[in-house]
Amino acid sequence: NGGETLLHPDFGSFLEEIARAKRDGAAFREVRLT
């Protein structure tokens, strides 16, 4: 959104949380990173 996503100190673990939700069948179809 406003900032640079990769500056987050927990970027890797945040992706793991999103991947887990994705495997669990969460309501989003695809994930896009800018």
PDB file of all heavy atoms in Angstrom:
ATOM      1  N   ASN A   1       0.856  -1.188   0.000  1.00  0.00           N
ATOM      2  CA  ASN A   1       0.000   0.000   0.000  1.00  0.00           C
ATOM      3  C   ASN A   1       0.888   1.232   0.000  1.00  0.00           C
ATOM      4  O   ASN A   1       1.388   1.621  -1.034  1.00  0.00           O
ATOM      5  CB  ASN A   1      -0.967   0.004   1.182  1.00  0.00           C
ATOM      6  CG  ASN A   1      -2.026   1.095   1.038  1.00  0.00           C
ATOM      7  OD1 ASN A   1      -2.698   1.158   0.026  1.00  0.00           O
ATOM      8  ND2 ASN A   1      -2.148   1.966   2.018  1.00  0.00           N
ATOM      9  N   GLY A   2       1.152   1.820   1.182  1.00  0.00           N
ATOM     10  CA  GLY A   2       1.900   3.063   1.199  1.00  0.00           C
ATOM     11  C   GLY A   2       3.405   2.899   1.204  1.00  0.00           C
ATOM     12  O   GLY A   2       4.120   3.660   0.554  1.00  0.00           O
ATOM     13  N   GLY A   3       3.914   1.903   1.928  1.00  0.00           N
ATOM     14  CA  GLY A   3       5.357   1.766   2.092  1.00  0.00           C
ATOM     15  C   GLY A   3       5.936   0.639   1.257  1.00  0.00           C
ATOM     16  O   GLY A   3       5.268   0.062   0.405  1.00  0.00           O
ATOM     17  N   GLU A   4       7.213   0.342   1.512  1.00  0.00           N
ATOM     18  CA  GLU A   4       7.893  -0.762   0.831  1.00  0.00           C
ATOM     19  C   GLU A   4       7.765  -2.018   1.694  1.00  0.00           C
ATOM     20  O   GLU A   4       8.343  -2.115   2.775  1.00  0.00           O
ATOM     21  CB  GLU A   4       9.362  -0.417   0.597  1.00  0.00           C
ATOM     22  CG  GLU A   4      10.243  -1.577   0.160  1.00  0.00           C
ATOM     23  CD  GLU A   4       9.675  -2.348  -1.032  1.00  0.00           C
ATOM     24  OE1 GLU A   4       9.171  -1.721  -1.992  1.00  0.00           O
ATOM     25  OE2 GLU A   4       9.733  -3.583  -0.996  1.00  0.00           O
ATOM     26  N   THR A   5       7.027  -2.993   1.210  1.00  0.00           N
ATOM     27  CA  THR A   5       6.659  -4.185   1.979  1.00  0.00           C
ATOM     28  C   THR A   5       7.879  -4.926   2.512  1.00  0.00           C
ATOM     29  O   THR A   5       7.870  -5.439   3.638  1.00  0.00           O
ATOM     30  CB  THR A   5       5.810  -5.120   1.105  1.00  0.00           C
ATOM     31  OG1 THR A   5       4.657  -4.403   0.655  1.00  0.00           O
ATOM     32  CG2 THR A   5       5.368  -6.342   1.876  1.00  0.00           C
ATOM     33  N   LEU A   6       8.957  -5.000   1.732  1.00  0.00           N
ATOM     34  CA  LEU A   6      10.119  -5.784   2.139  1.00  0.00           C
ATOM     35  C   LEU A   6      10.897  -5.159   3.289  1.00  0.00           C
ATOM     36  O   LEU A   6      11.806  -5.786   3.841  1.00  0.00           O
ATOM     37  CB  LEU A   6      11.054  -6.024   0.952  1.00  0.00           C
ATOM     38  CG  LEU A   6      10.742  -7.283   0.133  1.00  0.00           C
ATOM     39  CD1 LEU A   6       9.429  -7.133  -0.624  1.00  0.00           C
ATOM     40  CD2 LEU A   6      11.871  -7.611  -0.839  1.00  0.00           C
ATOM     41  N   LEU A   7      10.552  -3.932   3.687  1.00  0.00           N
ATOM     42  CA  LEU A   7      11.208  -3.326   4.844  1.00  0.00           C
ATOM     43  C   LEU A   7      10.725  -3.927   6.160  1.00  0.00           C
ATOM     44  O   LEU A   7      11.365  -3.730   7.204  1.00  0.00           O
ATOM     45  CB  LEU A   7      10.948  -1.814   4.867  1.00  0.00           C
ATOM     46  CG  LEU A   7      11.639  -0.977   3.787  1.00  0.00           C
ATOM     47  CD1 LEU A   7      11.195   0.482   3.904  1.00  0.00           C
ATOM     48  CD2 LEU A   7      13.155  -1.080   3.908  1.00  0.00           C
ATOM     49  N   HIS A   8       9.617  -4.661   6.146  1.00  0.00           N
ATOM     50  CA  HIS A   8       9.090  -5.224   7.399  1.00  0.00           C
ATOM     51  C   HIS A   8      10.092  -6.231   7.961  1.00  0.00           C
ATOM     52  O   HIS A   8      10.538  -7.140   7.253  1.00  0.00           O
ATOM     53  CB  HIS A   8       7.737  -5.907   7.158  1.00  0.00           C
ATOM     54  CG  HIS A   8       6.949  -6.102   8.417  1.00  0.00           C
ATOM     55  ND1 HIS A   8       7.339  -6.982   9.405  1.00  0.00           N
ATOM     56  CD2 HIS A   8       5.806  -5.514   8.858  1.00  0.00           C
ATOM     57  CE1 HIS A   8       6.461  -6.939  10.400  1.00  0.00           C
ATOM     58  NE2 HIS A   8       5.527  -6.049  10.090  1.00  0.00           N
ATOM     59  N   PRO A   9      10.461  -6.099   9.240  1.00  0.00           N
ATOM     60  CA  PRO A   9      11.461  -7.004   9.817  1.00  0.00           C
ATOM     61  C   PRO A   9      11.007  -8.453   9.890  1.00  0.00           C
ATOM     62  O   PRO A   9      11.848  -9.360   9.951  1.00  0.00           O
ATOM     63  CB  PRO A   9      11.700  -6.420  11.214  1.00  0.00           C
ATOM     64  CG  PRO A   9      10.489  -5.598  11.505  1.00  0.00           C
ATOM     65  CD  PRO A   9      10.030  -5.057  10.200  1.00  0.00           C
ATOM     66  N   ASP A  10       9.698  -8.705   9.880  1.00  0.00           N
ATOM     67  CA  ASP A  10       9.170 -10.068   9.931  1.00  0.00           C
ATOM     68  C   ASP A  10       8.560 -10.480   8.591  1.00  0.00           C
ATOM     69  O   ASP A  10       7.620 -11.283   8.549  1.00  0.00           O
ATOM     70  CB  ASP A  10       8.111 -10.185  11.039  1.00  0.00           C
ATOM     71  CG  ASP A  10       8.696  -9.964  12.421  1.00  0.00           C
ATOM     72  OD1 ASP A  10       9.840 -10.401  12.642  1.00  0.00           O
ATOM     73  OD2 ASP A  10       8.020  -9.347  13.261  1.00  0.00           O
ATOM     74  N   PHE A  11       9.101  -9.956   7.517  1.00  0.00           N
ATOM     75  CA  PHE A  11       8.554 -10.227   6.187  1.00  0.00           C
ATOM     76  C   PHE A  11       8.430 -11.724   5.923  1.00  0.00           C
ATOM     77  O   PHE A  11       7.376 -12.208   5.489  1.00  0.00           O
ATOM     78  CB  PHE A  11       9.440  -9.575   5.122  1.00  0.00           C
ATOM     79  CG  PHE A  11       9.070  -9.898   3.713  1.00  0.00           C
ATOM     80  CD1 PHE A  11       7.958  -9.324   3.118  1.00  0.00           C
ATOM     81  CD2 PHE A  11       9.842 -10.790   2.964  1.00  0.00           C
ATOM     82  CE1 PHE A  11       7.619  -9.629   1.806  1.00  0.00           C
ATOM     83  CE2 PHE A  11       9.501 -11.096   1.661  1.00  0.00           C
ATOM     84  CZ  PHE A  11       8.391 -10.517   1.076  1.00  0.00           C
ATOM     85  N   GLY A  12       9.473 -12.490   6.196  1.00  0.00           N
ATOM     86  CA  GLY A  12       9.464 -13.919   5.926  1.00  0.00           C
ATOM     87  C   GLY A  12       8.410 -14.666   6.721  1.00  0.00           C
ATOM     88  O   GLY A  12       7.666 -15.492   6.179  1.00  0.00           O
ATOM     89  N   SER A  13       8.307 -14.379   8.011  1.00  0.00           N
ATOM     90  CA  SER A  13       7.323 -15.077   8.842  1.00  0.00           C
ATOM     91  C   SER A  13       5.898 -14.644   8.502  1.00  0.00           C
ATOM     92  O   SER A  13       4.953 -15.435   8.604  1.00  0.00           O
ATOM     93  CB  SER A  13       7.613 -14.838  10.329  1.00  0.00           C
ATOM     94  OG  SER A  13       7.514 -13.468  10.664  1.00  0.00           O
ATOM     95  N   PHE A  14       5.712 -13.396   8.055  1.00  0.00           N
ATOM     96  CA  PHE A  14       4.388 -12.948   7.607  1.00  0.00           C
ATOM     97  C   PHE A  14       3.961 -13.745   6.371  1.00  0.00           C
ATOM     98  O   PHE A  14       2.798 -14.138   6.245  1.00  0.00           O
ATOM     99  CB  PHE A  14       4.407 -11.456   7.298  1.00  0.00           C
ATOM    100  CG  PHE A  14       4.082 -10.576   8.476  1.00  0.00           C
ATOM    101  CD1 PHE A  14       4.507 -10.913   9.756  1.00  0.00           C
ATOM    102  CD2 PHE A  14       3.346  -9.415   8.322  1.00  0.00           C
ATOM    103  CE1 PHE A  14       4.209 -10.113  10.849  1.00  0.00           C
ATOM    104  CE2 PHE A  14       3.027  -8.608   9.400  1.00  0.00           C
ATOM    105  CZ  PHE A  14       3.461  -8.951  10.671  1.00  0.00           C
ATOM    106  N   LEU A  15       4.902 -13.981   5.456  1.00  0.00           N
ATOM    107  CA  LEU A  15       4.572 -14.787   4.280  1.00  0.00           C
ATOM    108  C   LEU A  15       4.194 -16.205   4.683  1.00  0.00           C
ATOM    109  O   LEU A  15       3.283 -16.808   4.082  1.00  0.00           O
ATOM    110  CB  LEU A  15       5.749 -14.817   3.300  1.00  0.00           C
ATOM    111  CG  LEU A  15       6.091 -13.531   2.545  1.00  0.00           C
ATOM    112  CD1 LEU A  15       7.112 -13.830   1.452  1.00  0.00           C
ATOM    113  CD2 LEU A  15       4.861 -12.871   1.953  1.00  0.00           C
ATOM    114  N   GLU A  16       4.863 -16.752   5.674  1.00  0.00           N
ATOM    115  CA  GLU A  16       4.521 -18.098   6.133  1.00  0.00           C
ATOM    116  C   GLU A  16       3.108 -18.151   6.695  1.00  0.00           C
ATOM    117  O   GLU A  16       2.368 -19.121   6.473  1.00  0.00           O
ATOM    118  CB  GLU A  16       5.534 -18.556   7.186  1.00  0.00           C
ATOM    119  CG  GLU A  16       6.922 -18.811   6.621  1.00  0.00           C
ATOM    120  CD  GLU A  16       7.944 -19.122   7.703  1.00  0.00           C
ATOM    121  OE1 GLU A  16       7.542 -19.179   8.891  1.00  0.00           O
ATOM    122  OE2 GLU A  16       9.125 -19.294   7.370  1.00  0.00           O
ATOM    123  N   GLU A  17       2.693 -17.095   7.418  1.00  0.00           N
ATOM    124  CA  GLU A  17       1.330 -17.037   7.953  1.00  0.00           C
ATOM    125  C   GLU A  17       0.301 -16.973   6.814  1.00  0.00           C
ATOM    126  O   GLU A  17      -0.748 -17.628   6.860  1.00  0.00           O
ATOM    127  CB  GLU A  17       1.168 -15.809   8.857  1.00  0.00           C
ATOM    128  CG  GLU A  17       1.949 -15.877  10.159  1.00  0.00           C
ATOM    129  CD  GLU A  17       1.397 -16.942  11.095  1.00  0.00           C
ATOM    130  OE1 GLU A  17       0.167 -17.166  11.092  1.00  0.00           O
ATOM    131  OE2 GLU A  17       2.186 -17.576  11.802  1.00  0.00           O
ATOM    132  N   ILE A  18       0.618 -16.195   5.804  1.00  0.00           N
ATOM    133  CA  ILE A  18      -0.288 -16.077   4.660  1.00  0.00           C
ATOM    134  C   ILE A  18      -0.352 -17.401   3.897  1.00  0.00           C
ATOM    135  O   ILE A  18      -1.433 -17.838   3.465  1.00  0.00           O
ATOM    136  CB  ILE A  18       0.165 -14.927   3.746  1.00  0.00           C
ATOM    137  CG1 ILE A  18      -0.047 -13.586   4.460  1.00  0.00           C
ATOM    138  CG2 ILE A  18      -0.573 -14.949   2.410  1.00  0.00           C
ATOM    139  CD1 ILE A  18       0.592 -12.406   3.776  1.00  0.00           C
ATOM    140  N   ALA A  19       0.798 -18.059   3.737  1.00  0.00           N
ATOM    141  CA  ALA A  19       0.810 -19.360   3.062  1.00  0.00           C
ATOM    142  C   ALA A  19      -0.021 -20.383   3.822  1.00  0.00           C
ATOM    143  O   ALA A  19      -0.720 -21.209   3.220  1.00  0.00           O
ATOM    144  CB  ALA A  19       2.250 -19.848   2.908  1.00  0.00           C
ATOM    145  N   ARG A  20       0.024 -20.332   5.142  1.00  0.00           N
ATOM    146  CA  ARG A  20      -0.764 -21.255   5.953  1.00  0.00           C
ATOM    147  C   ARG A  20      -2.259 -21.016   5.746  1.00  0.00           C
ATOM    148  O   ARG A  20      -3.036 -21.964   5.592  1.00  0.00           O
ATOM    149  CB  ARG A  20      -0.390 -21.100   7.429  1.00  0.00           C
ATOM    150  CG  ARG A  20      -0.993 -22.149   8.341  1.00  0.00           C
ATOM    151  CD  ARG A  20      -0.458 -22.038   9.760  1.00  0.00           C
ATOM    152  NE  ARG A  20       0.990 -22.251   9.789  1.00  0.00           N
ATOM    153  CZ  ARG A  20       1.886 -21.329  10.108  1.00  0.00           C
ATOM    154  NH1 ARG A  20       1.491 -20.101  10.431  1.00  0.00           N
ATOM    155  NH2 ARG A  20       3.167 -21.617  10.105  1.00  0.00           N
ATOM    156  N   ALA A  21      -2.661 -19.741   5.724  1.00  0.00           N
ATOM    157  CA  ALA A  21      -4.067 -19.420   5.474  1.00  0.00           C
ATOM    158  C   ALA A  21      -4.478 -19.863   4.070  1.00  0.00           C
ATOM    159  O   ALA A  21      -5.594 -20.338   3.850  1.00  0.00           O
ATOM    160  CB  ALA A  21      -4.287 -17.919   5.648  1.00  0.00           C
ATOM    161  N   LYS A  22      -3.572 -19.715   3.132  1.00  0.00           N
ATOM    162  CA  LYS A  22      -3.838 -20.126   1.753  1.00  0.00           C
ATOM    163  C   LYS A  22      -4.072 -21.633   1.674  1.00  0.00           C
ATOM    164  O   LYS A  22      -5.026 -22.095   1.013  1.00  0.00           O
ATOM    165  CB  LYS A  22      -2.628 -19.718   0.900  1.00  0.00           C
ATOM    166  CG  LYS A  22      -2.821 -19.744  -0.590  1.00  0.00           C
ATOM    167  CD  LYS A  22      -1.531 -19.214  -1.227  1.00  0.00           C
ATOM    168  CE  LYS A  22      -1.616 -19.229  -2.735  1.00  0.00           C
ATOM    169  NZ  LYS A  22      -0.341 -18.772  -3.342  1.00  0.00           N
ATOM    170  N   ARG A  23      -3.244 -22.400   2.360  1.00  0.00           N
ATOM    171  CA  ARG A  23      -3.407 -23.859   2.372  1.00  0.00           C
ATOM    172  C   ARG A  23      -4.698 -24.273   3.073  1.00  0.00           C
ATOM    173  O   ARG A  23      -5.297 -25.302   2.736  1.00  0.00           O
ATOM    174  CB  ARG A  23      -2.210 -24.516   3.046  1.00  0.00           C
ATOM    175  CG  ARG A  23      -0.910 -24.425   2.268  1.00  0.00           C
ATOM    176  CD  ARG A  23       0.141 -25.339   2.829  1.00  0.00           C
ATOM    177  NE  ARG A  23       0.498 -25.000   4.196  1.00  0.00           N
ATOM    178  CZ  ARG A  23       1.476 -24.170   4.531  1.00  0.00           C
ATOM    179  NH1 ARG A  23       2.198 -23.582   3.577  1.00  0.00           N
ATOM    180  NH2 ARG A  23       1.753 -23.915   5.796  1.00  0.00           N
ATOM    181  N   ASP A  24      -5.123 -23.473   4.044  1.00  0.00           N
ATOM    182  CA  ASP A  24      -6.352 -23.777   4.788  1.00  0.00           C
ATOM    183  C   ASP A  24      -7.624 -23.413   4.019  1.00  0.00           C
ATOM    184  O   ASP A  24      -8.723 -23.591   4.535  1.00  0.00           O
ATOM    185  CB  ASP A  24      -6.355 -23.039   6.131  1.00  0.00           C
ATOM    186  CG  ASP A  24      -5.301 -23.592   7.098  1.00  0.00           C
ATOM    187  OD1 ASP A  24      -4.799 -24.710   6.842  1.00  0.00           O
ATOM    188  OD2 ASP A  24      -4.990 -22.898   8.077  1.00  0.00           O
ATOM    189  N   GLY A  25      -7.444 -22.862   2.802  1.00  0.00           N
ATOM    190  CA  GLY A  25      -8.605 -22.530   1.984  1.00  0.00           C
ATOM    191  C   GLY A  25      -9.225 -21.192   2.299  1.00  0.00           C
ATOM    192  O   GLY A  25     -10.449 -21.035   2.208  1.00  0.00           O
ATOM    193  N   ALA A  26      -8.409 -20.197   2.661  1.00  0.00           N
ATOM    194  CA  ALA A  26      -8.933 -18.858   2.944  1.00  0.00           C
ATOM    195  C   ALA A  26      -9.599 -18.282   1.695  1.00  0.00           C
ATOM    196  O   ALA A  26      -9.444 -18.798   0.582  1.00  0.00           O
ATOM    197  CB  ALA A  26      -7.810 -17.942   3.424  1.00  0.00           C
ATOM    198  N   ALA A  27     -10.329 -17.193   1.882  1.00  0.00           N
ATOM    199  CA  ALA A  27     -11.241 -16.691   0.851  1.00  0.00           C
ATOM    200  C   ALA A  27     -10.561 -15.913  -0.267  1.00  0.00           C
ATOM    201  O   ALA A  27     -11.244 -15.351  -1.120  1.00  0.00           O
ATOM    202  CB  ALA A  27     -12.310 -15.817   1.504  1.00  0.00           C
ATOM    203  N   PHE A  28      -9.228 -15.836  -0.316  1.00  0.00           N
ATOM    204  CA  PHE A  28      -8.561 -15.134  -1.413  1.00  0.00           C
ATOM    205  C   PHE A  28      -8.037 -16.145  -2.427  1.00  0.00           C
ATOM    206  O   PHE A  28      -7.623 -17.245  -2.072  1.00  0.00           O
ATOM    207  CB  PHE A  28      -7.440 -14.235  -0.891  1.00  0.00           C
ATOM    208  CG  PHE A  28      -6.426 -14.931  -0.032  1.00  0.00           C
ATOM    209  CD1 PHE A  28      -5.311 -15.553  -0.589  1.00  0.00           C
ATOM    210  CD2 PHE A  28      -6.571 -14.970   1.352  1.00  0.00           C
ATOM    211  CE1 PHE A  28      -4.368 -16.183   0.203  1.00  0.00           C
ATOM    212  CE2 PHE A  28      -5.625 -15.601   2.161  1.00  0.00           C
ATOM    213  CZ  PHE A  28      -4.530 -16.204   1.577  1.00  0.00           C
ATOM    214  N   ARG A  29      -8.031 -15.719  -3.693  1.00  0.00           N
ATOM    215  CA  ARG A  29      -7.604 -16.631  -4.761  1.00  0.00           C
ATOM    216  C   ARG A  29      -6.096 -16.593  -4.987  1.00  0.00           C
ATOM    217  O   ARG A  29      -5.455 -17.627  -5.142  1.00  0.00           O
ATOM    218  CB  ARG A  29      -8.318 -16.276  -6.066  1.00  0.00           C
ATOM    219  CG  ARG A  29      -9.831 -16.365  -6.008  1.00  0.00           C
ATOM    220  CD  ARG A  29     -10.421 -16.080  -7.390  1.00  0.00           C
ATOM    221  NE  ARG A  29     -11.797 -15.630  -7.291  1.00  0.00           N
ATOM    222  CZ  ARG A  29     -12.499 -15.182  -8.316  1.00  0.00           C
ATOM    223  NH1 ARG A  29     -11.939 -15.109  -9.508  1.00  0.00           N
ATOM    224  NH2 ARG A  29     -13.761 -14.782  -8.147  1.00  0.00           N
ATOM    225  N   GLU A  30      -5.542 -15.364  -5.069  1.00  0.00           N
ATOM    226  CA  GLU A  30      -4.123 -15.225  -5.381  1.00  0.00           C
ATOM    227  C   GLU A  30      -3.516 -14.118  -4.536  1.00  0.00           C
ATOM    228  O   GLU A  30      -4.219 -13.213  -4.074  1.00  0.00           O
ATOM    229  CB  GLU A  30      -3.915 -14.923  -6.870  1.00  0.00           C
ATOM    230  CG  GLU A  30      -4.387 -16.044  -7.785  1.00  0.00           C
ATOM    231  CD  GLU A  30      -4.071 -15.774  -9.247  1.00  0.00           C
ATOM    232  OE1 GLU A  30      -3.595 -14.660  -9.569  1.00  0.00           O
ATOM    233  OE2 GLU A  30      -4.290 -16.673 -10.061  1.00  0.00           O
ATOM    234  N   VAL A  31      -2.191 -14.194  -4.382  1.00  0.00           N
ATOM    235  CA  VAL A  31      -1.450 -13.210  -3.590  1.00  0.00           C
ATOM    236  C   VAL A  31      -0.477 -12.492  -4.513  1.00  0.00           C
ATOM    237  O   VAL A  31       0.283 -13.122  -5.260  1.00  0.00           O
ATOM    238  CB  VAL A  31      -0.678 -13.887  -2.435  1.00  0.00           C
ATOM    239  CG1 VAL A  31       0.121 -12.847  -1.646  1.00  0.00           C
ATOM    240  CG2 VAL A  31      -1.646 -14.631  -1.514  1.00  0.00           C
ATOM    241  N   ARG A  32      -0.500 -11.141  -4.438  1.00  0.00           N
ATOM    242  CA  ARG A  32       0.389 -10.343  -5.280  1.00  0.00           C
ATOM    243  C   ARG A  32       1.237  -9.419  -4.406  1.00  0.00           C
ATOM    244  O   ARG A  32       0.722  -8.760  -3.512  1.00  0.00           O
ATOM    245  CB  ARG A  32      -0.416  -9.519  -6.287  1.00  0.00           C
ATOM    246  CG  ARG A  32      -1.304 -10.375  -7.177  1.00  0.00           C
ATOM    247  CD  ARG A  32      -1.770  -9.681  -8.445  1.00  0.00           C
ATOM    248  NE  ARG A  32      -2.623  -8.540  -8.208  1.00  0.00           N
ATOM    249  CZ  ARG A  32      -3.382  -7.971  -9.158  1.00  0.00           C
ATOM    250  NH1 ARG A  32      -3.361  -8.448 -10.399  1.00  0.00           N
ATOM    251  NH2 ARG A  32      -4.144  -6.938  -8.884  1.00  0.00           N
ATOM    252  N   LEU A  33       2.506  -9.402  -4.687  1.00  0.00           N
ATOM    253  CA  LEU A  33       3.464  -8.543  -3.988  1.00  0.00           C
ATOM    254  C   LEU A  33       4.001  -7.510  -4.962  1.00  0.00           C
ATOM    255  O   LEU A  33       4.460  -7.853  -6.052  1.00  0.00           O
ATOM    256  CB  LEU A  33       4.617  -9.392  -3.444  1.00  0.00           C
ATOM    257  CG  LEU A  33       5.865  -8.644  -2.958  1.00  0.00           C
ATOM    258  CD1 LEU A  33       5.555  -7.838  -1.699  1.00  0.00           C
ATOM    259  CD2 LEU A  33       7.014  -9.618  -2.699  1.00  0.00           C
ATOM    260  N   THR A  34       3.946  -6.234  -4.574  1.00  0.00           N
ATOM    261  CA  THR A  34       4.556  -5.163  -5.362  1.00  0.00           C
ATOM    262  C   THR A  34       5.721  -4.592  -4.579  1.00  0.00           C
ATOM    263  O   THR A  34       5.600  -4.312  -3.387  1.00  0.00           O
ATOM    264  CB  THR A  34       3.536  -4.051  -5.663  1.00  0.00           C
ATOM    265  OG1 THR A  34       2.445  -4.608  -6.396  1.00  0.00           O
ATOM    266  CG2 THR A  34       4.166  -2.936  -6.483  1.00  0.00           C
TER     267      THR A  34
END
